Amino acid sequence: VSVGAQIVNLLRALQREHGLTYLFISHSMPLVRYLSTRIA
């Protein structure tokens, strides 16, 4: 979990820097809420 949190923080930083678009697939609602603009 703690290493996963580091990777998620990295993904957020890369998105801000490069203007990336993400489709983030997960079974974890709290994780998806943390990273996502919208949820399906």
PDB file of all heavy atoms in Angstrom:
ATOM      1  N   VAL A   1       0.816  -1.211   0.000  1.00  0.00           N
ATOM      2  CA  VAL A   1       0.000   0.000   0.000  1.00  0.00           C
ATOM      3  C   VAL A   1       0.853   1.266   0.000  1.00  0.00           C
ATOM      4  O   VAL A   1       0.573   2.216  -0.740  1.00  0.00           O
ATOM      5  CB  VAL A   1      -0.966  -0.008   1.207  1.00  0.00           C
ATOM      6  CG1 VAL A   1      -1.746   1.297   1.273  1.00  0.00           C
ATOM      7  CG2 VAL A   1      -1.929  -1.190   1.115  1.00  0.00           C
ATOM      8  N   SER A   2       1.900   1.314   0.803  1.00  0.00           N
ATOM      9  CA  SER A   2       2.700   2.536   0.884  1.00  0.00           C
ATOM     10  C   SER A   2       3.469   2.792  -0.407  1.00  0.00           C
ATOM     11  O   SER A   2       3.577   3.936  -0.863  1.00  0.00           O
ATOM     12  CB  SER A   2       3.667   2.465   2.069  1.00  0.00           C
ATOM     13  OG  SER A   2       4.574   1.382   1.918  1.00  0.00           O
ATOM     14  N   VAL A   3       3.997   1.727  -1.027  1.00  0.00           N
ATOM     15  CA  VAL A   3       4.700   1.878  -2.303  1.00  0.00           C
ATOM     16  C   VAL A   3       3.702   2.279  -3.391  1.00  0.00           C
ATOM     17  O   VAL A   3       3.994   3.135  -4.239  1.00  0.00           O
ATOM     18  CB  VAL A   3       5.441   0.582  -2.687  1.00  0.00           C
ATOM     19  CG1 VAL A   3       6.030   0.677  -4.089  1.00  0.00           C
ATOM     20  CG2 VAL A   3       6.545   0.291  -1.680  1.00  0.00           C
ATOM     21  N   GLY A   4       2.507   1.688  -3.356  1.00  0.00           N
ATOM     22  CA  GLY A   4       1.477   2.076  -4.305  1.00  0.00           C
ATOM     23  C   GLY A   4       1.128   3.554  -4.199  1.00  0.00           C
ATOM     24  O   GLY A   4       0.901   4.228  -5.210  1.00  0.00           O
ATOM     25  N   ALA A   5       1.104   4.075  -2.982  1.00  0.00           N
ATOM     26  CA  ALA A   5       0.819   5.498  -2.782  1.00  0.00           C
ATOM     27  C   ALA A   5       1.899   6.360  -3.414  1.00  0.00           C
ATOM     28  O   ALA A   5       1.610   7.414  -4.003  1.00  0.00           O
ATOM     29  CB  ALA A   5       0.704   5.797  -1.293  1.00  0.00           C
ATOM     30  N   GLN A   6       3.140   5.938  -3.330  1.00  0.00           N
ATOM     31  CA  GLN A   6       4.229   6.677  -3.977  1.00  0.00           C
ATOM     32  C   GLN A   6       4.044   6.717  -5.488  1.00  0.00           C
ATOM     33  O   GLN A   6       4.247   7.752  -6.130  1.00  0.00           O
ATOM     34  CB  GLN A   6       5.571   6.040  -3.630  1.00  0.00           C
ATOM     35  CG  GLN A   6       5.972   6.127  -2.176  1.00  0.00           C
ATOM     36  CD  GLN A   6       7.246   5.357  -1.895  1.00  0.00           C
ATOM     37  OE1 GLN A   6       8.118   5.261  -2.746  1.00  0.00           O
ATOM     38  NE2 GLN A   6       7.350   4.784  -0.710  1.00  0.00           N
ATOM     39  N   ILE A   7       3.656   5.581  -6.074  1.00  0.00           N
ATOM     40  CA  ILE A   7       3.467   5.523  -7.524  1.00  0.00           C
ATOM     41  C   ILE A   7       2.301   6.416  -7.941  1.00  0.00           C
ATOM     42  O   ILE A   7       2.367   7.120  -8.957  1.00  0.00           O
ATOM     43  CB  ILE A   7       3.232   4.067  -7.977  1.00  0.00           C
ATOM     44  CG1 ILE A   7       4.475   3.197  -7.684  1.00  0.00           C
ATOM     45  CG2 ILE A   7       2.881   4.016  -9.463  1.00  0.00           C
ATOM     46  CD1 ILE A   7       5.742   3.636  -8.391  1.00  0.00           C
ATOM     47  N   VAL A   8       1.228   6.417  -7.170  1.00  0.00           N
ATOM     48  CA  VAL A   8       0.080   7.273  -7.485  1.00  0.00           C
ATOM     49  C   VAL A   8       0.477   8.746  -7.412  1.00  0.00           C
ATOM     50  O   VAL A   8       0.092   9.557  -8.268  1.00  0.00           O
ATOM     51  CB  VAL A   8      -1.096   6.966  -6.551  1.00  0.00           C
ATOM     52  CG1 VAL A   8      -2.189   8.020  -6.672  1.00  0.00           C
ATOM     53  CG2 VAL A   8      -1.674   5.593  -6.863  1.00  0.00           C
ATOM     54  N   ASN A   9       1.258   9.123  -6.412  1.00  0.00           N
ATOM     55  CA  ASN A   9       1.735  10.500  -6.317  1.00  0.00           C
ATOM     56  C   ASN A   9       2.606  10.862  -7.513  1.00  0.00           C
ATOM     57  O   ASN A   9       2.551  11.988  -8.032  1.00  0.00           O
ATOM     58  CB  ASN A   9       2.514  10.702  -5.018  1.00  0.00           C
ATOM     59  CG  ASN A   9       1.612  10.751  -3.801  1.00  0.00           C
ATOM     60  OD1 ASN A   9       0.438  11.065  -3.912  1.00  0.00           O
ATOM     61  ND2 ASN A   9       2.155  10.421  -2.644  1.00  0.00           N
ATOM     62  N   LEU A  10       3.427   9.906  -7.952  1.00  0.00           N
ATOM     63  CA  LEU A  10       4.255  10.121  -9.144  1.00  0.00           C
ATOM     64  C   LEU A  10       3.376  10.355 -10.371  1.00  0.00           C
ATOM     65  O   LEU A  10       3.620  11.266 -11.174  1.00  0.00           O
ATOM     66  CB  LEU A  10       5.168   8.917  -9.367  1.00  0.00           C
ATOM     67  CG  LEU A  10       5.955   8.899 -10.688  1.00  0.00           C
ATOM     68  CD1 LEU A  10       6.929  10.060 -10.766  1.00  0.00           C
ATOM     69  CD2 LEU A  10       6.691   7.570 -10.857  1.00  0.00           C
ATOM     70  N   LEU A  11       2.335   9.547 -10.523  1.00  0.00           N
ATOM     71  CA  LEU A  11       1.436   9.698 -11.669  1.00  0.00           C
ATOM     72  C   LEU A  11       0.754  11.067 -11.669  1.00  0.00           C
ATOM     73  O   LEU A  11       0.591  11.699 -12.720  1.00  0.00           O
ATOM     74  CB  LEU A  11       0.392   8.583 -11.655  1.00  0.00           C
ATOM     75  CG  LEU A  11       0.921   7.178 -11.976  1.00  0.00           C
ATOM     76  CD1 LEU A  11      -0.146   6.130 -11.664  1.00  0.00           C
ATOM     77  CD2 LEU A  11       1.359   7.084 -13.433  1.00  0.00           C
ATOM     78  N   ARG A  12       0.377  11.540 -10.497  1.00  0.00           N
ATOM     79  CA  ARG A  12      -0.244  12.873 -10.406  1.00  0.00           C
ATOM     80  C   ARG A  12       0.743  13.948 -10.837  1.00  0.00           C
ATOM     81  O   ARG A  12       0.379  14.883 -11.568  1.00  0.00           O
ATOM     82  CB  ARG A  12      -0.713  13.143  -8.976  1.00  0.00           C
ATOM     83  CG  ARG A  12      -1.895  12.312  -8.536  1.00  0.00           C
ATOM     84  CD  ARG A  12      -2.437  12.771  -7.200  1.00  0.00           C
ATOM     85  NE  ARG A  12      -3.177  14.029  -7.326  1.00  0.00           N
ATOM     86  CZ  ARG A  12      -3.833  14.605  -6.331  1.00  0.00           C
ATOM     87  NH1 ARG A  12      -3.831  14.061  -5.126  1.00  0.00           N
ATOM     88  NH2 ARG A  12      -4.486  15.719  -6.518  1.00  0.00           N
ATOM     89  N   ALA A  13       1.989  13.833 -10.399  1.00  0.00           N
ATOM     90  CA  ALA A  13       2.996  14.831 -10.756  1.00  0.00           C
ATOM     91  C   ALA A  13       3.278  14.819 -12.260  1.00  0.00           C
ATOM     92  O   ALA A  13       3.403  15.874 -12.893  1.00  0.00           O
ATOM     93  CB  ALA A  13       4.285  14.569  -9.969  1.00  0.00           C
ATOM     94  N   LEU A  14       3.364  13.628 -12.846  1.00  0.00           N
ATOM     95  CA  LEU A  14       3.623  13.518 -14.287  1.00  0.00           C
ATOM     96  C   LEU A  14       2.460  14.087 -15.097  1.00  0.00           C
ATOM     97  O   LEU A  14       2.664  14.710 -16.142  1.00  0.00           O
ATOM     98  CB  LEU A  14       3.868  12.057 -14.663  1.00  0.00           C
ATOM     99  CG  LEU A  14       5.165  11.445 -14.140  1.00  0.00           C
ATOM    100  CD1 LEU A  14       5.170   9.936 -14.367  1.00  0.00           C
ATOM    101  CD2 LEU A  14       6.384  12.094 -14.806  1.00  0.00           C
ATOM    102  N   GLN A  15       1.244  13.878 -14.612  1.00  0.00           N
ATOM    103  CA  GLN A  15       0.087  14.416 -15.324  1.00  0.00           C
ATOM    104  C   GLN A  15       0.111  15.938 -15.324  1.00  0.00           C
ATOM    105  O   GLN A  15      -0.159  16.573 -16.360  1.00  0.00           O
ATOM    106  CB  GLN A  15      -1.206  13.908 -14.686  1.00  0.00           C
ATOM    107  CG  GLN A  15      -2.461  14.345 -15.450  1.00  0.00           C
ATOM    108  CD  GLN A  15      -3.721  13.729 -14.875  1.00  0.00           C
ATOM    109  OE1 GLN A  15      -3.875  13.650 -13.654  1.00  0.00           O
ATOM    110  NE2 GLN A  15      -4.617  13.283 -15.725  1.00  0.00           N
ATOM    111  N   ARG A  16       0.440  16.523 -14.197  1.00  0.00           N
ATOM    112  CA  ARG A  16       0.514  17.986 -14.129  1.00  0.00           C
ATOM    113  C   ARG A  16       1.610  18.519 -15.057  1.00  0.00           C
ATOM    114  O   ARG A  16       1.423  19.527 -15.737  1.00  0.00           O
ATOM    115  CB  ARG A  16       0.788  18.436 -12.691  1.00  0.00           C
ATOM    116  CG  ARG A  16      -0.392  18.288 -11.745  1.00  0.00           C
ATOM    117  CD  ARG A  16      -0.157  19.046 -10.455  1.00  0.00           C
ATOM    118  NE  ARG A  16       1.008  18.555  -9.737  1.00  0.00           N
ATOM    119  CZ  ARG A  16       0.969  17.608  -8.804  1.00  0.00           C
ATOM    120  NH1 ARG A  16      -0.191  17.052  -8.477  1.00  0.00           N
ATOM    121  NH2 ARG A  16       2.069  17.218  -8.186  1.00  0.00           N
ATOM    122  N   GLU A  17       2.740  17.839 -15.075  1.00  0.00           N
ATOM    123  CA  GLU A  17       3.895  18.319 -15.847  1.00  0.00           C
ATOM    124  C   GLU A  17       3.678  18.200 -17.348  1.00  0.00           C
ATOM    125  O   GLU A  17       4.079  19.079 -18.118  1.00  0.00           O
ATOM    126  CB  GLU A  17       5.142  17.535 -15.441  1.00  0.00           C
ATOM    127  CG  GLU A  17       6.413  18.012 -16.127  1.00  0.00           C
ATOM    128  CD  GLU A  17       7.650  17.299 -15.599  1.00  0.00           C
ATOM    129  OE1 GLU A  17       7.541  16.556 -14.606  1.00  0.00           O
ATOM    130  OE2 GLU A  17       8.729  17.492 -16.197  1.00  0.00           O
ATOM    131  N   HIS A  18       3.049  17.120 -17.780  1.00  0.00           N
ATOM    132  CA  HIS A  18       2.953  16.828 -19.217  1.00  0.00           C
ATOM    133  C   HIS A  18       1.548  16.987 -19.787  1.00  0.00           C
ATOM    134  O   HIS A  18       1.351  16.764 -20.989  1.00  0.00           O
ATOM    135  CB  HIS A  18       3.443  15.403 -19.488  1.00  0.00           C
ATOM    136  CG  HIS A  18       4.881  15.185 -19.147  1.00  0.00           C
ATOM    137  ND1 HIS A  18       5.922  15.744 -19.870  1.00  0.00           N
ATOM    138  CD2 HIS A  18       5.469  14.477 -18.145  1.00  0.00           C
ATOM    139  CE1 HIS A  18       7.073  15.376 -19.345  1.00  0.00           C
ATOM    140  NE2 HIS A  18       6.833  14.613 -18.290  1.00  0.00           N
ATOM    141  N   GLY A  19       0.561  17.314 -18.963  1.00  0.00           N
ATOM    142  CA  GLY A  19      -0.797  17.439 -19.463  1.00  0.00           C
ATOM    143  C   GLY A  19      -1.381  16.129 -19.947  1.00  0.00           C
ATOM    144  O   GLY A  19      -2.156  16.103 -20.913  1.00  0.00           O
ATOM    145  N   LEU A  20      -1.035  15.046 -19.283  1.00  0.00           N
ATOM    146  CA  LEU A  20      -1.464  13.717 -19.711  1.00  0.00           C
ATOM    147  C   LEU A  20      -2.937  13.470 -19.413  1.00  0.00           C
ATOM    148  O   LEU A  20      -3.515  14.069 -18.497  1.00  0.00           O
ATOM    149  CB  LEU A  20      -0.633  12.652 -19.002  1.00  0.00           C
ATOM    150  CG  LEU A  20       0.861  12.594 -19.370  1.00  0.00           C
ATOM    151  CD1 LEU A  20       1.619  11.753 -18.347  1.00  0.00           C
ATOM    152  CD2 LEU A  20       1.045  12.031 -20.764  1.00  0.00           C
ATOM    153  N   THR A  21      -3.514  12.574 -20.190  1.00  0.00           N
ATOM    154  CA  THR A  21      -4.860  12.079 -19.956  1.00  0.00           C
ATOM    155  C   THR A  21      -4.745  10.646 -19.463  1.00  0.00           C
ATOM    156  O   THR A  21      -3.964   9.863 -20.021  1.00  0.00           O
ATOM    157  CB  THR A  21      -5.686  12.115 -21.257  1.00  0.00           C
ATOM    158  OG1 THR A  21      -5.681  13.446 -21.772  1.00  0.00           O
ATOM    159  CG2 THR A  21      -7.118  11.649 -21.013  1.00  0.00           C
ATOM    160  N   TYR A  22      -5.502  10.287 -18.417  1.00  0.00           N
ATOM    161  CA  TYR A  22      -5.415   8.943 -17.849  1.00  0.00           C
ATOM    162  C   TYR A  22      -6.764   8.229 -17.897  1.00  0.00           C
ATOM    163  O   TYR A  22      -7.807   8.822 -17.592  1.00  0.00           O
ATOM    164  CB  TYR A  22      -5.010   9.000 -16.369  1.00  0.00           C
ATOM    165  CG  TYR A  22      -3.590   9.411 -16.067  1.00  0.00           C
ATOM    166  CD1 TYR A  22      -3.260   9.908 -14.798  1.00  0.00           C
ATOM    167  CD2 TYR A  22      -2.573   9.304 -17.002  1.00  0.00           C
ATOM    168  CE1 TYR A  22      -1.964  10.270 -14.480  1.00  0.00           C
ATOM    169  CE2 TYR A  22      -1.272   9.676 -16.689  1.00  0.00           C
ATOM    170  CZ  TYR A  22      -0.975  10.163 -15.438  1.00  0.00           C
ATOM    171  OH  TYR A  22       0.307  10.524 -15.121  1.00  0.00           O
ATOM    172  N   LEU A  23      -6.718   6.947 -18.255  1.00  0.00           N
ATOM    173  CA  LEU A  23      -7.782   6.012 -17.896  1.00  0.00           C
ATOM    174  C   LEU A  23      -7.199   5.151 -16.800  1.00  0.00           C
ATOM    175  O   LEU A  23      -6.286   4.348 -17.047  1.00  0.00           O
ATOM    176  CB  LEU A  23      -8.209   5.153 -19.091  1.00  0.00           C
ATOM    177  CG  LEU A  23      -9.230   4.052 -18.752  1.00  0.00           C
ATOM    178  CD1 LEU A  23     -10.532   4.641 -18.231  1.00  0.00           C
ATOM    179  CD2 LEU A  23      -9.501   3.162 -19.965  1.00  0.00           C
ATOM    180  N   PHE A  24      -7.693   5.338 -15.583  1.00  0.00           N
ATOM    181  CA  PHE A  24      -7.123   4.669 -14.412  1.00  0.00           C
ATOM    182  C   PHE A  24      -8.072   3.560 -13.976  1.00  0.00           C
ATOM    183  O   PHE A  24      -9.189   3.828 -13.513  1.00  0.00           O
ATOM    184  CB  PHE A  24      -6.913   5.672 -13.280  1.00  0.00           C
ATOM    185  CG  PHE A  24      -6.211   5.091 -12.083  1.00  0.00           C
ATOM    186  CD1 PHE A  24      -4.839   4.930 -12.088  1.00  0.00           C
ATOM    187  CD2 PHE A  24      -6.925   4.704 -10.961  1.00  0.00           C
ATOM    188  CE1 PHE A  24      -4.191   4.394 -10.986  1.00  0.00           C
ATOM    189  CE2 PHE A  24      -6.287   4.170  -9.863  1.00  0.00           C
ATOM    190  CZ  PHE A  24      -4.914   4.009  -9.875  1.00  0.00           C
ATOM    191  N   ILE A  25      -7.642   2.315 -14.134  1.00  0.00           N
ATOM    192  CA  ILE A  25      -8.479   1.147 -13.862  1.00  0.00           C
ATOM    193  C   ILE A  25      -8.079   0.545 -12.527  1.00  0.00           C
ATOM    194  O   ILE A  25      -6.892   0.302 -12.273  1.00  0.00           O
ATOM    195  CB  ILE A  25      -8.313   0.105 -14.983  1.00  0.00           C
ATOM    196  CG1 ILE A  25      -8.756   0.701 -16.323  1.00  0.00           C
ATOM    197  CG2 ILE A  25      -9.091  -1.169 -14.681  1.00  0.00           C
ATOM    198  CD1 ILE A  25      -8.426  -0.156 -17.514  1.00  0.00           C
ATOM    199  N   SER A  26      -9.066   0.315 -11.657  1.00  0.00           N
ATOM    200  CA  SER A  26      -8.765  -0.211 -10.332  1.00  0.00           C
ATOM    201  C   SER A  26     -10.019  -0.834  -9.732  1.00  0.00           C
ATOM    202  O   SER A  26     -11.140  -0.563 -10.158  1.00  0.00           O
ATOM    203  CB  SER A  26      -8.247   0.904  -9.420  1.00  0.00           C
ATOM    204  OG  SER A  26      -7.979   0.424  -8.119  1.00  0.00           O
ATOM    205  N   HIS A  27      -9.801  -1.672  -8.718  1.00  0.00           N
ATOM    206  CA  HIS A  27     -10.921  -2.178  -7.908  1.00  0.00           C
ATOM    207  C   HIS A  27     -11.076  -1.363  -6.631  1.00  0.00           C
ATOM    208  O   HIS A  27     -11.994  -1.592  -5.854  1.00  0.00           O
ATOM    209  CB  HIS A  27     -10.692  -3.652  -7.553  1.00  0.00           C
ATOM    210  CG  HIS A  27      -9.476  -3.862  -6.708  1.00  0.00           C
ATOM    211  ND1 HIS A  27      -8.208  -3.996  -7.244  1.00  0.00           N
ATOM    212  CD2 HIS A  27      -9.324  -3.933  -5.364  1.00  0.00           C
ATOM    213  CE1 HIS A  27      -7.339  -4.152  -6.257  1.00  0.00           C
ATOM    214  NE2 HIS A  27      -7.991  -4.113  -5.107  1.00  0.00           N
ATOM    215  N   SER A  28     -10.165  -0.405  -6.402  1.00  0.00           N
ATOM    216  CA  SER A  28     -10.136   0.361  -5.155  1.00  0.00           C
ATOM    217  C   SER A  28     -10.794   1.721  -5.335  1.00  0.00           C
ATOM    218  O   SER A  28     -10.250   2.606  -6.005  1.00  0.00           O
ATOM    219  CB  SER A  28      -8.690   0.545  -4.686  1.00  0.00           C
ATOM    220  OG  SER A  28      -8.608   1.494  -3.645  1.00  0.00           O
ATOM    221  N   MET A  29     -11.952   1.919  -4.736  1.00  0.00           N
ATOM    222  CA  MET A  29     -12.635   3.201  -4.839  1.00  0.00           C
ATOM    223  C   MET A  29     -11.859   4.352  -4.199  1.00  0.00           C
ATOM    224  O   MET A  29     -11.760   5.439  -4.785  1.00  0.00           O
ATOM    225  CB  MET A  29     -14.034   3.095  -4.236  1.00  0.00           C
ATOM    226  CG  MET A  29     -15.035   2.396  -5.131  1.00  0.00           C
ATOM    227  SD  MET A  29     -15.422   3.339  -6.623  1.00  0.00           S
ATOM    228  CE  MET A  29     -16.431   4.646  -5.944  1.00  0.00           C
ATOM    229  N   PRO A  30     -11.290   4.206  -2.985  1.00  0.00           N
ATOM    230  CA  PRO A  30     -10.523   5.319  -2.420  1.00  0.00           C
ATOM    231  C   PRO A  30      -9.338   5.726  -3.299  1.00  0.00           C
ATOM    232  O   PRO A  30      -9.044   6.909  -3.434  1.00  0.00           O
ATOM    233  CB  PRO A  30     -10.052   4.762  -1.070  1.00  0.00           C
ATOM    234  CG  PRO A  30     -11.070   3.734  -0.720  1.00  0.00           C
ATOM    235  CD  PRO A  30     -11.443   3.094  -2.018  1.00  0.00           C
ATOM    236  N   LEU A  31      -8.677   4.748  -3.910  1.00  0.00           N
ATOM    237  CA  LEU A  31      -7.559   5.041  -4.803  1.00  0.00           C
ATOM    238  C   LEU A  31      -8.029   5.794  -6.036  1.00  0.00           C
ATOM    239  O   LEU A  31      -7.425   6.791  -6.452  1.00  0.00           O
ATOM    240  CB  LEU A  31      -6.875   3.733  -5.202  1.00  0.00           C
ATOM    241  CG  LEU A  31      -5.619   3.823  -6.065  1.00  0.00           C
ATOM    242  CD1 LEU A  31      -4.552   4.639  -5.369  1.00  0.00           C
ATOM    243  CD2 LEU A  31      -5.109   2.427  -6.386  1.00  0.00           C
ATOM    244  N   VAL A  32      -9.121   5.339  -6.626  1.00  0.00           N
ATOM    245  CA  VAL A  32      -9.675   5.997  -7.809  1.00  0.00           C
ATOM    246  C   VAL A  32     -10.129   7.415  -7.468  1.00  0.00           C
ATOM    247  O   VAL A  32      -9.902   8.360  -8.227  1.00  0.00           O
ATOM    248  CB  VAL A  32     -10.834   5.154  -8.382  1.00  0.00           C
ATOM    249  CG1 VAL A  32     -11.607   5.939  -9.427  1.00  0.00           C
ATOM    250  CG2 VAL A  32     -10.298   3.866  -8.990  1.00  0.00           C
ATOM    251  N   ARG A  33     -10.749   7.585  -6.311  1.00  0.00           N
ATOM    252  CA  ARG A  33     -11.198   8.921  -5.883  1.00  0.00           C
ATOM    253  C   ARG A  33     -10.016   9.877  -5.754  1.00  0.00           C
ATOM    254  O   ARG A  33     -10.111  11.057  -6.135  1.00  0.00           O
ATOM    255  CB  ARG A  33     -11.925   8.818  -4.538  1.00  0.00           C
ATOM    256  CG  ARG A  33     -12.374  10.179  -3.984  1.00  0.00           C
ATOM    257  CD  ARG A  33     -13.066  10.006  -2.641  1.00  0.00           C
ATOM    258  NE  ARG A  33     -12.191   9.398  -1.651  1.00  0.00           N
ATOM    259  CZ  ARG A  33     -12.583   8.922  -0.479  1.00  0.00           C
ATOM    260  NH1 ARG A  33     -13.868   8.959  -0.152  1.00  0.00           N
ATOM    261  NH2 ARG A  33     -11.725   8.395   0.363  1.00  0.00           N
ATOM    262  N   TYR A  34      -8.906   9.382  -5.253  1.00  0.00           N
ATOM    263  CA  TYR A  34      -7.725  10.211  -5.029  1.00  0.00           C
ATOM    264  C   TYR A  34      -7.138  10.740  -6.338  1.00  0.00           C
ATOM    265  O   TYR A  34      -6.686  11.879  -6.418  1.00  0.00           O
ATOM    266  CB  TYR A  34      -6.682   9.389  -4.265  1.00  0.00           C
ATOM    267  CG  TYR A  34      -5.399  10.119  -3.959  1.00  0.00           C
ATOM    268  CD1 TYR A  34      -5.344  11.087  -2.963  1.00  0.00           C
ATOM    269  CD2 TYR A  34      -4.227   9.824  -4.663  1.00  0.00           C
ATOM    270  CE1 TYR A  34      -4.168  11.749  -2.671  1.00  0.00           C
ATOM    271  CE2 TYR A  34      -3.039  10.474  -4.379  1.00  0.00           C
ATOM    272  CZ  TYR A  34      -3.014  11.443  -3.386  1.00  0.00           C
ATOM    273  OH  TYR A  34      -1.851  12.095  -3.107  1.00  0.00           O
ATOM    274  N   LEU A  35      -7.165   9.921  -7.387  1.00  0.00           N
ATOM    275  CA  LEU A  35      -6.478  10.270  -8.626  1.00  0.00           C
ATOM    276  C   LEU A  35      -7.408  10.819  -9.703  1.00  0.00           C
ATOM    277  O   LEU A  35      -6.959  11.539 -10.595  1.00  0.00           O
ATOM    278  CB  LEU A  35      -5.745   9.035  -9.170  1.00  0.00           C
ATOM    279  CG  LEU A  35      -4.755   9.258 -10.310  1.00  0.00           C
ATOM    280  CD1 LEU A  35      -3.608  10.150  -9.860  1.00  0.00           C
ATOM    281  CD2 LEU A  35      -4.197   7.933 -10.812  1.00  0.00           C
ATOM    282  N   SER A  36      -8.700  10.506  -9.643  1.00  0.00           N
ATOM    283  CA  SER A  36      -9.581  10.716 -10.790  1.00  0.00           C
ATOM    284  C   SER A  36     -10.366  12.024 -10.735  1.00  0.00           C
ATOM    285  O   SER A  36     -10.692  12.532  -9.667  1.00  0.00           O
ATOM    286  CB  SER A  36     -10.575   9.557 -10.899  1.00  0.00           C
ATOM    287  OG  SER A  36      -9.889   8.331 -11.038  1.00  0.00           O
ATOM    288  N   THR A  37     -10.694  12.527 -11.922  1.00  0.00           N
ATOM    289  CA  THR A  37     -11.614  13.640 -12.081  1.00  0.00           C
ATOM    290  C   THR A  37     -13.046  13.132 -12.023  1.00  0.00           C
ATOM    291  O   THR A  37     -13.897  13.698 -11.336  1.00  0.00           O
ATOM    292  CB  THR A  37     -11.381  14.329 -13.446  1.00  0.00           C
ATOM    293  OG1 THR A  37      -9.981  14.524 -13.653  1.00  0.00           O
ATOM    294  CG2 THR A  37     -12.117  15.655 -13.507  1.00  0.00           C
ATOM    295  N   ARG A  38     -13.312  12.061 -12.781  1.00  0.00           N
ATOM    296  CA  ARG A  38     -14.617  11.413 -12.803  1.00  0.00           C
ATOM    297  C   ARG A  38     -14.430   9.908 -12.597  1.00  0.00           C
ATOM    298  O   ARG A  38     -13.345   9.371 -12.826  1.00  0.00           O
ATOM    299  CB  ARG A  38     -15.336  11.651 -14.147  1.00  0.00           C
ATOM    300  CG  ARG A  38     -15.752  13.095 -14.371  1.00  0.00           C
ATOM    301  CD  ARG A  38     -16.544  13.246 -15.665  1.00  0.00           C
ATOM    302  NE  ARG A  38     -15.758  12.866 -16.826  1.00  0.00           N
ATOM    303  CZ  ARG A  38     -16.060  11.870 -17.665  1.00  0.00           C
ATOM    304  NH1 ARG A  38     -17.150  11.121 -17.443  1.00  0.00           N
ATOM    305  NH2 ARG A  38     -15.295  11.609 -18.694  1.00  0.00           N
ATOM    306  N   ILE A  39     -15.505   9.252 -12.189  1.00  0.00           N
ATOM    307  CA  ILE A  39     -15.465   7.815 -11.931  1.00  0.00           C
ATOM    308  C   ILE A  39     -16.609   7.142 -12.693  1.00  0.00           C
ATOM    309  O   ILE A  39     -17.724   7.660 -12.737  1.00  0.00           O
ATOM    310  CB  ILE A  39     -15.591   7.505 -10.430  1.00  0.00           C
ATOM    311  CG1 ILE A  39     -14.363   8.017  -9.672  1.00  0.00           C
ATOM    312  CG2 ILE A  39     -15.759   6.005 -10.184  1.00  0.00           C
ATOM    313  CD1 ILE A  39     -14.458   7.863  -8.163  1.00  0.00           C
ATOM    314  N   ALA A  40     -16.294   5.995 -13.297  1.00  0.00           N
ATOM    315  CA  ALA A  40     -17.304   5.143 -13.921  1.00  0.00           C
ATOM    316  C   ALA A  40     -17.221   3.772 -13.253  1.00  0.00           C
ATOM    317  O   ALA A  40     -16.135   3.199 -13.135  1.00  0.00           O
ATOM    318  CB  ALA A  40     -17.046   5.024 -15.423  1.00  0.00           C
TER     319      ALA A  40
END
